[in-house]
Amino acid sequence: METVLLVIHLMVAIFLVGIILIQRSSGGALDGLGGGSGASSFLSARGTGNFLTKTTAILATIFIVTSISLSLYYRGGDRRAASILDTAPVSSAPVEPMVPVAGE
């Protein structure tokens, strides 16, 4: 379950970045990447804007849901890794400092 949720989260994040970069901005962004007029060639300018806006909203919602799901999944107490300090052996004997040997 953990791996599936992580893969979905990663794919949604990648698609969300791509969709955001395709959207038209004041600089044009990556709209012309496909050649010609870019994504506007198969849809009207208004239709493309609506499609990209709706897709961005859907992907953002899925991203937020997967983020919350992952945080709730990892919140469980059994899955927490034990601290190294908790598992390290504790010696009760004091450590004596090394004394240099004469002649070295």
C-alpha atoms as a PDB file:
ATOM      1  CA  MET A   1       0.000   0.000   0.000  1.00  0.00           C
ATOM      2  CA  GLU A   2       2.805   2.358   0.909  1.00  0.00           C
ATOM      3  CA  THR A   3       4.603   1.872  -2.410  1.00  0.00           C
ATOM      4  CA  VAL A   4       1.439   2.295  -4.476  1.00  0.00           C
ATOM      5  CA  LEU A   5       0.559   5.526  -2.669  1.00  0.00           C
ATOM      6  CA  LEU A   6       4.097   6.877  -3.119  1.00  0.00           C
ATOM      7  CA  VAL A   7       4.106   6.055  -6.854  1.00  0.00           C
ATOM      8  CA  ILE A   8       0.707   7.711  -7.361  1.00  0.00           C
ATOM      9  CA  HIS A   9       1.901  10.769  -5.417  1.00  0.00           C
ATOM     10  CA  LEU A  10       5.069  11.033  -7.506  1.00  0.00           C
ATOM     11  CA  MET A  11       3.235  10.656 -10.815  1.00  0.00           C
ATOM     12  CA  VAL A  12       0.621  13.252  -9.842  1.00  0.00           C
ATOM     13  CA  ALA A  13       3.405  15.659  -8.844  1.00  0.00           C
ATOM     14  CA  ILE A  14       5.178  15.213 -12.187  1.00  0.00           C
ATOM     15  CA  PHE A  15       1.941  15.655 -14.184  1.00  0.00           C
ATOM     16  CA  LEU A  16       0.991  18.688 -12.095  1.00  0.00           C
ATOM     17  CA  VAL A  17       4.306  20.387 -12.859  1.00  0.00           C
ATOM     18  CA  GLY A  18       3.910  19.588 -16.557  1.00  0.00           C
ATOM     19  CA  ILE A  19       0.344  20.916 -16.742  1.00  0.00           C
ATOM     20  CA  ILE A  20       1.325  24.095 -14.919  1.00  0.00           C
ATOM     21  CA  LEU A  21       4.220  24.674 -17.317  1.00  0.00           C
ATOM     22  CA  ILE A  22       1.977  24.166 -20.363  1.00  0.00           C
ATOM     23  CA  GLN A  23      -0.489  26.845 -19.246  1.00  0.00           C
ATOM     24  CA  ARG A  24      -0.288  30.185 -20.935  1.00  0.00           C
ATOM     25  CA  SER A  25       1.346  32.904 -18.910  1.00  0.00           C
ATOM     26  CA  SER A  26       2.616  36.382 -19.683  1.00  0.00           C
ATOM     27  CA  GLY A  27       5.849  34.868 -21.017  1.00  0.00           C
ATOM     28  CA  GLY A  28       4.210  32.064 -22.956  1.00  0.00           C
ATOM     29  CA  ALA A  29       5.761  29.308 -20.767  1.00  0.00           C
ATOM     30  CA  LEU A  30       6.020  26.032 -22.681  1.00  0.00           C
ATOM     31  CA  ASP A  31       2.917  26.615 -24.790  1.00  0.00           C
ATOM     32  CA  GLY A  32       4.882  26.586 -28.041  1.00  0.00           C
ATOM     33  CA  LEU A  33       6.832  23.443 -27.231  1.00  0.00           C
ATOM     34  CA  GLY A  34       4.859  21.241 -29.622  1.00  0.00           C
ATOM     35  CA  GLY A  35       5.477  23.483 -32.599  1.00  0.00           C
ATOM     36  CA  GLY A  36       3.116  25.930 -34.235  1.00  0.00           C
ATOM     37  CA  SER A  37       0.715  27.259 -31.689  1.00  0.00           C
ATOM     38  CA  GLY A  38       1.357  24.450 -29.211  1.00  0.00           C
ATOM     39  CA  ALA A  39      -1.552  23.015 -27.258  1.00  0.00           C
ATOM     40  CA  SER A  40      -3.911  25.588 -28.772  1.00  0.00           C
ATOM     41  CA  SER A  41      -3.745  23.853 -32.156  1.00  0.00           C
ATOM     42  CA  PHE A  42      -6.194  21.065 -31.243  1.00  0.00           C
ATOM     43  CA  LEU A  43      -8.549  23.141 -29.079  1.00  0.00           C
ATOM     44  CA  SER A  44      -9.684  26.710 -29.185  1.00  0.00           C
ATOM     45  CA  ALA A  45      -7.851  29.162 -26.940  1.00  0.00           C
ATOM     46  CA  ARG A  46     -10.791  29.338 -24.555  1.00  0.00           C
ATOM     47  CA  GLY A  47     -11.281  25.561 -24.509  1.00  0.00           C
ATOM     48  CA  THR A  48      -7.606  24.951 -23.823  1.00  0.00           C
ATOM     49  CA  GLY A  49      -7.644  27.376 -20.919  1.00  0.00           C
ATOM     50  CA  ASN A  50     -10.688  25.727 -19.382  1.00  0.00           C
ATOM     51  CA  PHE A  51      -9.281  22.224 -19.930  1.00  0.00           C
ATOM     52  CA  LEU A  52      -5.905  23.079 -18.384  1.00  0.00           C
ATOM     53  CA  THR A  53      -7.531  24.889 -15.461  1.00  0.00           C
ATOM     54  CA  LYS A  54      -9.809  21.940 -14.682  1.00  0.00           C
ATOM     55  CA  THR A  55      -6.941  19.456 -15.070  1.00  0.00           C
ATOM     56  CA  THR A  56      -4.764  21.524 -12.740  1.00  0.00           C
ATOM     57  CA  ALA A  57      -7.527  21.680 -10.137  1.00  0.00           C
ATOM     58  CA  ILE A  58      -8.121  17.920 -10.302  1.00  0.00           C
ATOM     59  CA  LEU A  59      -4.411  17.086 -10.086  1.00  0.00           C
ATOM     60  CA  ALA A  60      -3.929  19.539  -7.210  1.00  0.00           C
ATOM     61  CA  THR A  61      -6.800  17.919  -5.314  1.00  0.00           C
ATOM     62  CA  ILE A  62      -5.359  14.437  -5.866  1.00  0.00           C
ATOM     63  CA  PHE A  63      -1.928  15.703  -4.783  1.00  0.00           C
ATOM     64  CA  ILE A  64      -3.342  17.122  -1.530  1.00  0.00           C
ATOM     65  CA  VAL A  65      -5.299  13.925  -0.823  1.00  0.00           C
ATOM     66  CA  THR A  66      -2.245  11.715  -1.390  1.00  0.00           C
ATOM     67  CA  SER A  67      -0.111  14.038   0.763  1.00  0.00           C
ATOM     68  CA  ILE A  68      -2.575  13.805   3.650  1.00  0.00           C
ATOM     69  CA  SER A  69      -2.901  10.042   3.169  1.00  0.00           C
ATOM     70  CA  LEU A  70       0.866   9.570   3.286  1.00  0.00           C
ATOM     71  CA  SER A  71       1.200  11.707   6.400  1.00  0.00           C
ATOM     72  CA  LEU A  72      -1.554   9.730   8.149  1.00  0.00           C
ATOM     73  CA  TYR A  73      -0.013   6.435   7.031  1.00  0.00           C
ATOM     74  CA  TYR A  74       3.422   7.320   8.414  1.00  0.00           C
ATOM     75  CA  ARG A  75       1.994   8.743  11.620  1.00  0.00           C
ATOM     76  CA  GLY A  76       1.399   5.242  13.050  1.00  0.00           C
ATOM     77  CA  GLY A  77       3.504   4.359  16.108  1.00  0.00           C
ATOM     78  CA  ASP A  78       4.534   0.837  14.992  1.00  0.00           C
ATOM     79  CA  ARG A  79       6.210   2.028  11.819  1.00  0.00           C
ATOM     80  CA  ARG A  80       8.586   4.411  13.514  1.00  0.00           C
ATOM     81  CA  ALA A  81      12.188   3.312  13.411  1.00  0.00           C
ATOM     82  CA  ALA A  82      13.821   2.931  16.768  1.00  0.00           C
ATOM     83  CA  SER A  83      16.473   5.446  17.638  1.00  0.00           C
ATOM     84  CA  ILE A  84      20.087   4.327  17.588  1.00  0.00           C
ATOM     85  CA  LEU A  85      20.453   5.730  21.079  1.00  0.00           C
ATOM     86  CA  ASP A  86      17.681   3.450  22.316  1.00  0.00           C
ATOM     87  CA  THR A  87      19.332   0.325  20.930  1.00  0.00           C
ATOM     88  CA  ALA A  88      22.988   1.137  21.656  1.00  0.00           C
ATOM     89  CA  PRO A  89      24.542  -0.920  24.439  1.00  0.00           C
ATOM     90  CA  VAL A  90      25.365   1.054  27.569  1.00  0.00           C
ATOM     91  CA  SER A  91      28.506   0.070  29.408  1.00  0.00           C
ATOM     92  CA  SER A  92      28.647   0.669  33.124  1.00  0.00           C
ATOM     93  CA  ALA A  93      32.445   0.527  33.367  1.00  0.00           C
ATOM     94  CA  PRO A  94      34.218   3.872  33.047  1.00  0.00           C
ATOM     95  CA  VAL A  95      36.526   4.286  30.092  1.00  0.00           C
ATOM     96  CA  GLU A  96      40.138   4.886  31.054  1.00  0.00           C
ATOM     97  CA  PRO A  97      42.128   7.359  28.977  1.00  0.00           C
ATOM     98  CA  MET A  98      45.046   5.976  27.005  1.00  0.00           C
ATOM     99  CA  VAL A  99      48.429   6.714  28.527  1.00  0.00           C
ATOM    100  CA  PRO A 100      51.259   7.313  26.059  1.00  0.00           C
ATOM    101  CA  VAL A 101      54.052   4.746  26.287  1.00  0.00           C
ATOM    102  CA  ALA A 102      57.484   6.180  26.998  1.00  0.00           C
ATOM    103  CA  GLY A 103      59.886   5.994  24.102  1.00  0.00           C
ATOM    104  CA  GLU A 104      57.453   6.632  21.286  1.00  0.00           C
END
